[in-house]
Structure formats: structure tokens, C-alpha cells
Amino acid sequence: MSIICGVNYIFNNFLINGRGELAALAAAGLWAIASVVYGIVGQHIPPLRLNLLKGIVAIALLISTILLTGESLPTSAPMPILLLCLSGIIGISWGDTAFLGAINYLGARRVLLIGTLAPPMTAVGAMIWLEESLNISAWCGILITTLGVAWVVTERVPGTSDDSPAHLWRGIGLGLLAAIANAIGTVISRVAFTTGSITSLWAALLRLGAAELILLGWMWLPNRQAQALSFSYRQSGRVIFATCFAAFCGTYLGIWLQQTAIKFTAAGIASTLLQTSPIFVIPLAMCIGEKVSWRAIAGVIIAIIGIGLLFFS
């Protein structure tokens, strides 16, 4: 009897009540895989163009999923739909482009460190606009998880060198813009879910669709640097496959799960768990034979403790 009660407790608290938290962790894991691929693809494709391409692939997959599942159009009022579109413009077209650009100047680890500013900004924004109050356990979980992630991403990698001051400040500016856009986009999405009845799948499509329209207009500005795809890129089957694979993991599934997390849990908790991608990179590095330091392992353990507090809060 006690075993049955234990299984029932786990099912109710983790698979039903914790579905938002589980979706956020799954999205973070997929983003970790995609970030490794984007780090390679980004050497061949500029950030703005890469952001546009991954969005096109993800939109095609989302539309196919909607057609296969027969999910009907959202019957919500216009305002939540407009809010989701605004969230996509800020969080994806601006935020993701700034994130990919910052990686070129600072590297992934330092950009991810700046990204740890997003969860507390999201939690404060949700308190102001949504009146979402978190208990002490949740705030401790956010703090501990953020510290664990920061401990991992601030580890100095052998063989890396500091950037010039110009690159450093430009990268910091883009990283801060990405973190702020991420926080604002998350809060706006949460507002849309609390004021309308929209599924996570349609929310992902609306956000991506609005972001792609802005990116297309951005690329066609008179003084744009993004032009037609280069001949070498069109001839590279590996780059095309890698872009599609990363878009499938990080954009299609990642944003779908992100919207699921934002819908079913508090914005501050969702944002914190969505920023745990660096701790998922550690197992990936071990699988491909890289040496992982005790500091990185300790950071993962600290973050896991914080994640546990967020689940039980």
C-alpha cells in the first residue's frame, strides 16, 4: 500500500503538478544540444541569417504538427494573440539574434553567465505585472540554481584568451540585451496565457511567426549586411543538416516546451529552469570524451539542489 501511495505521490507532484517544471528542464536539455550545434554552424552563417533559417525550419515543423494533430485555431480574444506575437518579436527576433551575436564576441560560457540575470528579472517582472508571489523556498531555489549555473559557466577553459576591450563591451551589451529581451518575452507570454485560452503549440507558432516577419524585414533594410546565401553554404550538406537538426531540437521542440513551461508554472520558476542549459552540456562533454573538472560537477550538483527546491516549492 505504501508503495502505491508513493507512486501516486510522484505521479501527482511531478508528472501532473510539475509538468511545467519538467517541460522547462526538457527545453533546457534540448537547447544545450542545439547550442553545441549552433556553435559550429555559427562559424559559417551570420547570427541574423541563422536566426531566420532556424525559425523557418521550426515553423514548417509546427504547422505539420498542427495539421497532424488537428488542433483547432485558438478561440481566444485578440489581445492574448497580440501579446504572444509581441513576445516573439522581443524574445526571439531581438533576443535570439543578440544572443547569437554575443557568442561571437564573448563565447558561449560568458554569454550564458550574463543570461543568468534573466530569471530574477523575470520573477520581478511577474511580481509587478502578474502579481505572482513566490515563497521563500522558490526564491532560494532560484538563487541556488542561478549560482550553480554561474559556477559552471565562469570556469576558465584552457587555451582561451581575453577579447579586446571593444569586442568585450560589444559582447556584454548584446548579452545584456538578450537577457532583458528573454525576461520581457517570458513575462509577456505568461500574461497571454493567464488572460486567454491558447495551447502551447499555437503559442510557439504565433511567437515564431511574428519573429520571422520582423527578421525578414530586418534583412531587407537598405544598409543590411545579410544578403543571399553564399555558394559554399548552399553546397554544404553538413551545414544544412546541422542547421535543421538544431532547429528541430532547440527551436521546434525547445520553444514548444518553453511555452508549456510558461503556461503551467510561475514565470520566475520557468525562466530559472530554462536557463539550466549549461548543466546539461556537462554530460554531453563527458560523452564526447572531454575532461570535466570537479568544479563543473560541483556546479551541476548545486544547480540540481536548487531545481529540487523549485519542484517542492
Protein backbone atom coordinates (compact mmCIF):
# COMPACT_ATOMS: atom_id res chain seq x y z
CA MET A 1 0.00 0.00 0.00
CA SER A 2 2.83 2.40 0.89
CA ILE A 3 4.48 1.73 -2.48
CA ILE A 4 1.23 2.56 -4.30
CA CYS A 5 0.87 5.77 -2.29
CA GLY A 6 4.45 6.70 -3.10
CA VAL A 7 3.96 6.13 -6.82
CA ASN A 8 0.73 8.13 -6.71
CA TYR A 9 2.53 10.99 -4.91
CA ILE A 10 5.30 11.08 -7.50
CA PHE A 11 2.80 10.96 -10.37
CA ASN A 12 0.68 13.80 -8.99
CA ASN A 13 3.52 16.07 -7.93
CA PHE A 14 5.99 15.57 -10.75
CA LEU A 15 4.08 14.43 -13.84
CA ILE A 16 0.91 16.48 -13.33
CA ASN A 17 1.61 19.34 -10.93
CA GLY A 18 5.22 19.55 -12.09
CA ARG A 19 4.62 19.33 -15.83
CA GLY A 20 5.61 22.96 -16.31
CA GLU A 21 8.90 22.41 -14.48
CA LEU A 22 9.58 19.18 -16.38
CA ALA A 23 8.88 20.92 -19.69
CA ALA A 24 11.33 23.68 -18.77
CA LEU A 25 14.08 21.18 -17.93
CA ALA A 26 13.43 19.27 -21.16
CA ALA A 27 13.66 22.51 -23.14
CA ALA A 28 16.93 23.41 -21.40
CA GLY A 29 18.37 20.00 -22.28
CA LEU A 30 17.38 20.38 -25.93
CA TRP A 31 18.81 23.90 -26.02
CA ALA A 32 22.09 22.51 -24.69
CA ILE A 33 22.26 20.11 -27.63
CA ALA A 34 21.29 22.84 -30.08
CA SER A 35 23.80 25.31 -28.65
CA VAL A 36 26.65 22.90 -29.34
CA VAL A 37 25.49 22.58 -32.95
CA TYR A 38 24.89 26.33 -33.33
CA GLY A 39 28.43 26.96 -32.13
CA ILE A 40 29.66 25.00 -35.17
CA VAL A 41 27.09 26.29 -37.66
CA GLY A 42 27.64 29.88 -36.48
CA GLN A 43 31.13 29.77 -37.99
CA HIS A 44 29.51 29.61 -41.45
CA ILE A 45 26.28 31.62 -41.05
CA PRO A 46 25.89 35.15 -39.55
CA PRO A 47 23.63 35.43 -36.44
CA LEU A 48 20.72 37.24 -38.15
CA ARG A 49 20.60 34.78 -41.03
CA LEU A 50 20.97 31.77 -38.71
CA ASN A 51 18.11 33.03 -36.54
CA LEU A 52 15.90 33.39 -39.63
CA LEU A 53 16.77 29.95 -41.02
CA LYS A 54 16.16 28.06 -37.79
CA GLY A 55 12.82 29.81 -37.42
CA ILE A 56 11.70 28.84 -40.93
CA VAL A 57 12.51 25.17 -40.28
CA ALA A 58 10.71 25.24 -36.90
CA ILE A 59 7.61 26.94 -38.36
CA ALA A 60 7.34 24.25 -41.04
CA LEU A 61 7.54 21.57 -38.32
CA LEU A 62 4.98 23.33 -36.10
CA ILE A 63 2.50 23.69 -38.97
CA SER A 64 2.97 20.00 -39.83
CA THR A 65 2.33 19.06 -36.19
CA ILE A 66 -0.83 21.16 -36.06
CA LEU A 67 -2.13 19.55 -39.26
CA LEU A 68 -1.35 16.04 -37.99
CA THR A 69 -2.91 16.59 -34.56
CA GLY A 70 -5.88 18.52 -35.94
CA GLU A 71 -5.51 21.17 -33.26
CA SER A 72 -8.03 23.93 -33.96
CA LEU A 73 -7.33 27.64 -34.19
CA PRO A 74 -7.25 29.43 -30.84
CA THR A 75 -10.61 30.91 -29.91
CA SER A 76 -9.06 33.40 -27.52
CA ALA A 77 -9.64 37.14 -27.61
CA PRO A 78 -7.33 39.18 -29.88
CA MET A 79 -5.26 40.63 -27.02
CA PRO A 80 -3.56 37.35 -25.89
CA ILE A 81 -2.72 36.57 -29.53
CA LEU A 82 -1.20 40.03 -29.99
CA LEU A 83 0.74 39.61 -26.75
CA LEU A 84 2.23 36.32 -27.95
CA CYS A 85 3.26 37.96 -31.22
CA LEU A 86 4.88 40.80 -29.27
CA SER A 87 6.62 38.23 -27.07
CA GLY A 88 8.05 36.54 -30.15
CA ILE A 89 9.27 39.82 -31.62
CA ILE A 90 11.08 40.77 -28.40
CA GLY A 91 12.24 37.36 -27.21
CA ILE A 92 13.11 35.65 -30.49
CA SER A 93 13.83 38.23 -33.21
CA TRP A 94 15.68 40.60 -30.87
CA GLY A 95 16.76 38.33 -28.02
CA ASP A 96 17.98 35.32 -30.00
CA THR A 97 19.79 37.47 -32.56
CA ALA A 98 21.54 39.36 -29.75
CA PHE A 99 22.39 36.04 -28.05
CA LEU A 100 23.93 34.55 -31.20
CA GLY A 101 25.83 37.78 -31.84
CA ALA A 102 27.14 37.92 -28.26
CA ILE A 103 28.53 34.38 -28.59
CA ASN A 104 30.72 35.59 -31.48
CA TYR A 105 32.31 38.21 -29.18
CA LEU A 106 32.38 36.55 -25.76
CA GLY A 107 31.99 32.83 -26.31
CA ALA A 108 29.13 30.67 -25.09
CA ARG A 109 30.17 30.42 -21.44
CA ARG A 110 30.33 34.13 -20.72
CA VAL A 111 27.10 34.78 -22.61
CA LEU A 112 25.37 32.06 -20.59
CA LEU A 113 26.67 33.72 -17.43
CA ILE A 114 25.03 37.01 -18.45
CA GLY A 115 21.90 35.01 -19.23
CA THR A 116 21.60 34.02 -15.57
CA LEU A 117 20.36 37.59 -14.97
CA ALA A 118 17.14 36.72 -16.83
CA PRO A 119 15.43 34.59 -14.10
CA PRO A 120 15.49 37.22 -11.32
CA MET A 121 14.43 39.92 -13.80
CA THR A 122 11.57 37.66 -14.94
CA ALA A 123 10.48 36.95 -11.36
CA VAL A 124 10.44 40.66 -10.51
CA GLY A 125 8.57 41.47 -13.73
CA ALA A 126 5.98 38.80 -12.98
CA MET A 127 5.51 40.23 -9.49
CA ILE A 128 4.83 43.67 -10.96
CA TRP A 129 2.63 42.77 -13.93
CA LEU A 130 1.05 39.49 -12.84
CA GLU A 131 1.18 39.79 -9.06
CA GLU A 132 2.82 36.36 -8.92
CA SER A 133 4.30 35.96 -5.45
CA LEU A 134 6.92 33.27 -4.81
CA ASN A 135 7.53 31.76 -1.38
CA ILE A 136 10.91 31.69 0.36
CA SER A 137 11.65 28.17 -0.88
CA ALA A 138 11.12 29.23 -4.50
CA TRP A 139 13.36 32.30 -4.14
CA CYS A 140 16.06 30.13 -2.53
CA GLY A 141 15.70 27.67 -5.40
CA ILE A 142 16.13 30.46 -7.97
CA LEU A 143 19.21 31.76 -6.14
CA ILE A 144 20.86 28.35 -5.70
CA THR A 145 20.13 27.25 -9.28
CA THR A 146 21.48 30.53 -10.67
CA LEU A 147 24.64 30.22 -8.55
CA GLY A 148 25.15 26.64 -9.73
CA VAL A 149 24.83 27.62 -13.38
CA ALA A 150 27.11 30.64 -12.86
CA TRP A 151 29.69 28.41 -11.15
CA VAL A 152 29.75 26.16 -14.23
CA VAL A 153 29.91 28.84 -16.93
CA THR A 154 32.54 31.01 -15.18
CA GLU A 155 35.13 28.24 -15.17
CA ARG A 156 38.09 29.31 -17.30
CA VAL A 157 38.71 26.99 -20.24
CA PRO A 158 42.38 26.26 -21.01
CA GLY A 159 43.60 27.81 -24.23
CA THR A 160 41.11 30.68 -24.30
CA SER A 161 42.22 34.31 -24.37
CA ASP A 162 40.57 37.53 -23.39
CA ASP A 163 38.97 39.64 -26.08
CA SER A 164 39.89 43.19 -26.94
CA PRO A 165 38.03 45.89 -24.95
CA ALA A 166 35.91 46.80 -27.98
CA HIS A 167 34.78 43.20 -28.50
CA LEU A 168 34.31 42.71 -24.78
CA TRP A 169 31.94 45.66 -24.32
CA ARG A 170 30.08 44.92 -27.53
CA GLY A 171 29.56 41.34 -26.41
CA ILE A 172 28.45 42.43 -22.93
CA GLY A 173 25.95 44.84 -24.47
CA LEU A 174 24.50 42.15 -26.72
CA GLY A 175 24.42 39.65 -23.85
CA LEU A 176 22.54 42.08 -21.60
CA LEU A 177 20.10 42.85 -24.43
CA ALA A 178 19.48 39.12 -24.88
CA ALA A 179 18.86 38.60 -21.14
CA ILE A 180 16.48 41.58 -20.92
CA ALA A 181 14.61 40.51 -24.07
CA ASN A 182 14.34 36.97 -22.69
CA ALA A 183 12.85 38.21 -19.41
CA ILE A 184 10.39 40.57 -21.12
CA GLY A 185 9.32 37.92 -23.63
CA THR A 186 8.71 35.38 -20.85
CA VAL A 187 6.57 37.77 -18.80
CA ILE A 188 4.51 38.80 -21.85
CA SER A 189 3.90 35.14 -22.75
CA ARG A 190 2.80 34.45 -19.20
CA VAL A 191 0.37 37.38 -19.36
CA ALA A 192 -1.07 35.98 -22.62
CA PHE A 193 -1.61 32.53 -21.06
CA THR A 194 -3.29 33.96 -17.96
CA THR A 195 -5.70 36.12 -20.00
CA GLY A 196 -6.61 33.71 -22.81
CA SER A 197 -7.06 30.04 -23.71
CA ILE A 198 -4.24 29.27 -26.13
CA THR A 199 -2.38 25.97 -26.37
CA SER A 200 1.39 25.80 -26.12
CA LEU A 201 1.68 24.57 -29.70
CA TRP A 202 -0.18 27.55 -31.16
CA ALA A 203 1.67 29.91 -28.84
CA ALA A 204 5.00 28.64 -30.20
CA LEU A 205 3.79 29.11 -33.78
CA LEU A 206 2.47 32.64 -33.14
CA ARG A 207 5.69 33.73 -31.46
CA LEU A 208 7.90 32.29 -34.18
CA GLY A 209 5.71 33.62 -36.99
CA ALA A 210 5.81 37.18 -35.67
CA ALA A 211 9.55 36.96 -35.07
CA GLU A 212 10.21 35.71 -38.61
CA LEU A 213 8.28 38.61 -40.14
CA ILE A 214 10.45 41.08 -38.23
CA LEU A 215 13.63 39.22 -39.19
CA LEU A 216 12.65 39.24 -42.86
CA GLY A 217 12.06 42.99 -42.75
CA TRP A 218 15.32 43.43 -40.86
CA MET A 219 17.28 41.56 -43.53
CA TRP A 220 15.83 43.71 -46.31
CA LEU A 221 16.83 47.05 -44.83
CA PRO A 222 18.78 49.20 -47.33
CA ASN A 223 22.05 49.01 -45.35
CA ARG A 224 21.74 45.37 -44.40
CA GLN A 225 24.77 43.11 -44.46
CA ALA A 226 22.76 39.90 -44.80
CA GLN A 227 22.48 39.01 -48.47
CA ALA A 228 21.80 35.86 -50.46
CA LEU A 229 23.19 32.65 -49.06
CA SER A 230 26.75 32.03 -50.13
CA PHE A 231 27.67 29.37 -52.68
CA SER A 232 29.77 27.44 -50.16
CA TYR A 233 26.82 27.26 -47.76
CA ARG A 234 24.42 26.03 -50.42
CA GLN A 235 26.89 23.31 -51.33
CA SER A 236 27.49 22.18 -47.75
CA GLY A 237 25.15 19.33 -46.93
CA ARG A 238 26.60 19.01 -43.44
CA VAL A 239 25.84 22.63 -42.57
CA ILE A 240 22.28 22.29 -43.90
CA PHE A 241 21.69 19.08 -41.95
CA ALA A 242 23.20 20.56 -38.77
CA THR A 243 21.03 23.68 -39.06
CA CYS A 244 17.87 21.58 -39.50
CA PHE A 245 18.80 19.29 -36.61
CA ALA A 246 19.50 22.21 -34.26
CA ALA A 247 16.26 23.91 -35.36
CA PHE A 248 14.33 20.70 -34.65
CA CYS A 249 15.79 20.32 -31.14
CA GLY A 250 16.26 23.89 -30.00
CA THR A 251 13.58 25.85 -31.85
CA TYR A 252 10.73 23.48 -32.71
CA LEU A 253 10.73 21.29 -29.60
CA GLY A 254 12.52 23.83 -27.40
CA ILE A 255 10.09 26.72 -27.90
CA TRP A 256 7.07 24.38 -27.74
CA LEU A 257 8.28 23.08 -24.37
CA GLN A 258 9.19 26.61 -23.28
CA GLN A 259 5.64 27.79 -23.83
CA THR A 260 4.34 24.71 -22.00
CA ALA A 261 6.54 25.61 -19.02
CA ILE A 262 5.43 29.25 -19.00
CA LYS A 263 1.79 28.19 -19.21
CA PHE A 264 1.86 25.72 -16.31
CA THR A 265 4.23 27.28 -13.79
CA ALA A 266 5.21 30.70 -12.43
CA ALA A 267 7.24 32.87 -14.78
CA GLY A 268 10.21 33.18 -12.42
CA ILE A 269 10.45 29.42 -11.87
CA ALA A 270 10.07 28.68 -15.59
CA SER A 271 12.76 31.21 -16.50
CA THR A 272 15.17 29.78 -13.93
CA LEU A 273 14.77 26.19 -15.13
CA LEU A 274 15.00 27.27 -18.77
CA GLN A 275 18.42 28.79 -18.00
CA THR A 276 19.90 25.48 -16.82
CA SER A 277 21.23 24.51 -20.26
CA PRO A 278 24.90 24.75 -19.13
CA ILE A 279 24.49 21.90 -16.64
CA PHE A 280 23.22 19.67 -19.47
CA VAL A 281 26.33 20.48 -21.50
CA ILE A 282 28.49 18.71 -18.91
CA PRO A 283 27.14 15.18 -19.64
CA LEU A 284 27.39 15.94 -23.36
CA ALA A 285 31.05 16.89 -22.93
CA MET A 286 31.71 13.68 -21.00
CA CYS A 287 30.04 11.61 -23.72
CA ILE A 288 32.34 13.00 -26.43
CA GLY A 289 35.43 12.36 -24.30
CA GLU A 290 36.15 15.82 -22.88
CA LYS A 291 37.64 16.17 -19.41
CA VAL A 292 35.17 17.62 -16.93
CA SER A 293 36.56 19.30 -13.83
CA TRP A 294 35.37 18.76 -10.27
CA ARG A 295 34.32 22.41 -10.26
CA ALA A 296 31.90 21.81 -13.13
CA ILE A 297 30.50 18.72 -11.40
CA ALA A 298 30.07 20.71 -8.16
CA GLY A 299 28.20 23.41 -10.08
CA VAL A 300 25.85 20.82 -11.52
CA ILE A 301 25.17 19.41 -8.04
CA ILE A 302 24.44 22.90 -6.66
CA ALA A 303 22.06 23.61 -9.55
CA ILE A 304 20.28 20.27 -9.03
CA ILE A 305 19.72 21.16 -5.36
CA GLY A 306 18.16 24.46 -6.46
CA ILE A 307 16.00 22.66 -9.01
CA GLY A 308 14.77 20.33 -6.26
CA LEU A 309 13.74 23.32 -4.17
CA LEU A 310 11.82 24.76 -7.12
CA PHE A 311 9.91 21.49 -7.59
CA PHE A 312 8.98 21.16 -3.93
CA SER A 313 8.12 24.86 -3.54
